[in-house]
Amino acid sequence: MMLRSQANLVASRDADWSNSARETARVILDHIAARARASKYREVRTRFAGCNDTLLSEAHTRFGVVAPFGGPTSSGMLTLHCPPGKLYALGSFLREHGAETVSVVSLDYVFDRENPLFAKLEAFLRQ
């Protein structure tokens, strides 16, 4: 609720939309979007040699995971973002396919290159 209120605060057409004000709005909206994105996932880390594109595709289909940094590194390290309700099933799946250890951490922010909230504000201001 608080995040939505903050977004509404910056969305007034009558506000002073100087470059400085737009940059402030961009930063605020970027933080709001990153926080909302982070709440949808937990970060899952593991390392194992048997991980490949086929396994990642199956994990995506079955558990809704995304690999924000690409597939496994040359040493087999893998970072996934997984919806909280699918964590145990994903951990079991990874261990069944060779992962010795699977760790899970909460995310505070997940920043993407795109800032959809600011893009909406920009479109609104152009009208």
Protein backbone atom coordinates (compact mmCIF):
# COMPACT_ATOMS: atom_id res chain seq x y z
CA MET A 1 0.00 0.00 0.00
CA MET A 2 2.80 2.42 0.89
CA LEU A 3 4.60 1.80 -2.41
CA ARG A 4 1.44 2.52 -4.40
CA SER A 5 0.94 5.75 -2.43
CA GLN A 6 4.49 6.82 -3.19
CA ALA A 7 3.92 6.17 -6.88
CA ASN A 8 0.75 8.28 -6.81
CA LEU A 9 2.62 11.14 -5.17
CA VAL A 10 4.96 11.58 -8.09
CA ALA A 11 2.32 11.15 -10.79
CA SER A 12 0.78 14.61 -10.84
CA ARG A 13 0.80 16.42 -14.18
CA ASP A 14 0.70 19.73 -12.38
CA ALA A 15 4.01 19.07 -10.63
CA ASP A 16 7.25 20.73 -11.67
CA TRP A 17 8.69 18.20 -14.13
CA SER A 18 12.14 19.73 -14.58
CA ASN A 19 15.02 17.40 -15.42
CA SER A 20 15.88 17.21 -11.74
CA ALA A 21 12.30 16.33 -10.76
CA ARG A 22 12.12 13.65 -13.46
CA GLU A 23 15.39 12.14 -12.26
CA THR A 24 14.10 12.05 -8.68
CA ALA A 25 10.89 10.37 -9.88
CA ARG A 26 12.93 7.88 -11.93
CA VAL A 27 14.99 6.89 -8.89
CA ILE A 28 11.94 6.54 -6.63
CA LEU A 29 10.02 4.50 -9.19
CA ASP A 30 13.07 2.35 -9.92
CA HIS A 31 13.31 1.47 -6.23
CA ILE A 32 9.58 0.71 -6.03
CA ALA A 33 9.72 -1.58 -9.08
CA ALA A 34 12.87 -3.33 -7.84
CA ARG A 35 11.33 -3.95 -4.44
CA ALA A 36 8.13 -5.32 -6.00
CA ARG A 37 10.15 -7.57 -8.33
CA ALA A 38 12.22 -8.87 -5.40
CA SER A 39 9.11 -9.79 -3.42
CA LYS A 40 8.10 -12.24 -6.16
CA TYR A 41 11.30 -14.30 -5.93
CA ARG A 42 13.91 -15.87 -3.72
CA GLU A 43 17.43 -16.39 -4.98
CA VAL A 44 18.56 -20.00 -5.31
CA ARG A 45 22.24 -20.81 -5.68
CA THR A 46 23.86 -24.12 -6.44
CA ARG A 47 26.75 -25.72 -8.29
CA PHE A 48 26.81 -28.97 -10.17
CA ALA A 49 28.27 -30.31 -13.38
CA GLY A 50 25.03 -31.84 -14.69
CA CYS A 51 23.25 -28.56 -15.27
CA ASN A 52 22.54 -27.73 -18.92
CA ASP A 53 20.03 -25.82 -21.05
CA THR A 54 17.58 -28.72 -21.08
CA LEU A 55 17.53 -28.90 -17.28
CA LEU A 56 17.14 -25.10 -17.01
CA SER A 57 14.27 -25.17 -19.48
CA GLU A 58 12.53 -27.88 -17.47
CA ALA A 59 13.07 -25.92 -14.23
CA HIS A 60 11.58 -22.83 -15.87
CA THR A 61 8.53 -24.74 -17.08
CA ARG A 62 7.92 -26.66 -13.84
CA PHE A 63 8.87 -24.06 -11.23
CA GLY A 64 8.71 -20.66 -12.95
CA VAL A 65 12.38 -19.90 -12.36
CA VAL A 66 14.47 -17.39 -14.25
CA ALA A 67 18.24 -17.37 -14.59
CA PRO A 68 18.96 -13.63 -14.33
CA PHE A 69 22.67 -14.03 -15.01
CA GLY A 70 22.44 -16.75 -17.65
CA GLY A 71 23.16 -20.44 -17.38
CA PRO A 72 25.78 -22.08 -15.20
CA THR A 73 29.33 -20.77 -15.17
CA SER A 74 32.27 -22.91 -16.30
CA SER A 75 32.56 -24.18 -12.72
CA GLY A 76 28.86 -25.11 -12.64
CA MET A 77 27.71 -22.21 -10.43
CA LEU A 78 24.09 -21.32 -11.05
CA THR A 79 21.88 -18.53 -9.73
CA LEU A 80 18.11 -18.76 -10.17
CA HIS A 81 15.19 -16.62 -9.08
CA CYS A 82 12.27 -18.76 -7.95
CA PRO A 83 8.75 -17.99 -6.71
CA PRO A 84 8.62 -18.66 -2.94
CA GLY A 85 5.93 -21.33 -3.24
CA LYS A 86 8.13 -23.47 -5.51
CA LEU A 87 11.37 -23.41 -3.50
CA TYR A 88 11.23 -26.86 -1.93
CA ALA A 89 10.18 -28.52 -5.18
CA LEU A 90 12.98 -26.75 -7.05
CA GLY A 91 15.56 -27.67 -4.40
CA SER A 92 14.50 -31.30 -4.59
CA PHE A 93 14.62 -31.23 -8.39
CA LEU A 94 18.13 -29.76 -8.42
CA ARG A 95 19.42 -32.29 -5.86
CA GLU A 96 17.84 -35.16 -7.80
CA HIS A 97 19.84 -33.99 -10.81
CA GLY A 98 23.20 -33.79 -9.02
CA ALA A 99 23.33 -30.65 -6.91
CA GLU A 100 24.96 -31.39 -3.57
CA THR A 101 23.90 -28.15 -1.91
CA VAL A 102 21.16 -25.66 -2.71
CA SER A 103 21.04 -22.36 -0.83
CA VAL A 104 18.16 -19.90 -0.75
CA VAL A 105 18.29 -16.22 0.19
CA SER A 106 15.74 -13.43 0.30
CA LEU A 107 16.10 -10.56 -2.12
CA ASP A 108 15.75 -6.92 -1.12
CA TYR A 109 15.79 -5.42 -4.61
CA VAL A 110 15.95 -6.76 -8.16
CA PHE A 111 16.86 -3.94 -10.54
CA ASP A 112 16.29 -4.48 -14.25
CA ARG A 113 17.53 -2.31 -17.07
CA GLU A 114 13.94 -1.35 -17.86
CA ASN A 115 12.01 0.85 -15.45
CA PRO A 116 8.34 0.17 -16.33
CA LEU A 117 6.88 2.50 -13.71
CA PHE A 118 8.94 5.45 -14.95
CA ALA A 119 8.10 4.57 -18.56
CA LYS A 120 4.41 4.82 -17.65
CA LEU A 121 4.99 8.16 -15.96
CA GLU A 122 6.88 9.47 -18.99
CA ALA A 123 4.07 8.34 -21.29
CA PHE A 124 1.51 9.97 -19.00
CA LEU A 125 3.40 13.27 -19.01
CA ARG A 126 3.69 13.25 -22.82
CA GLN A 127 -0.13 13.17 -23.20
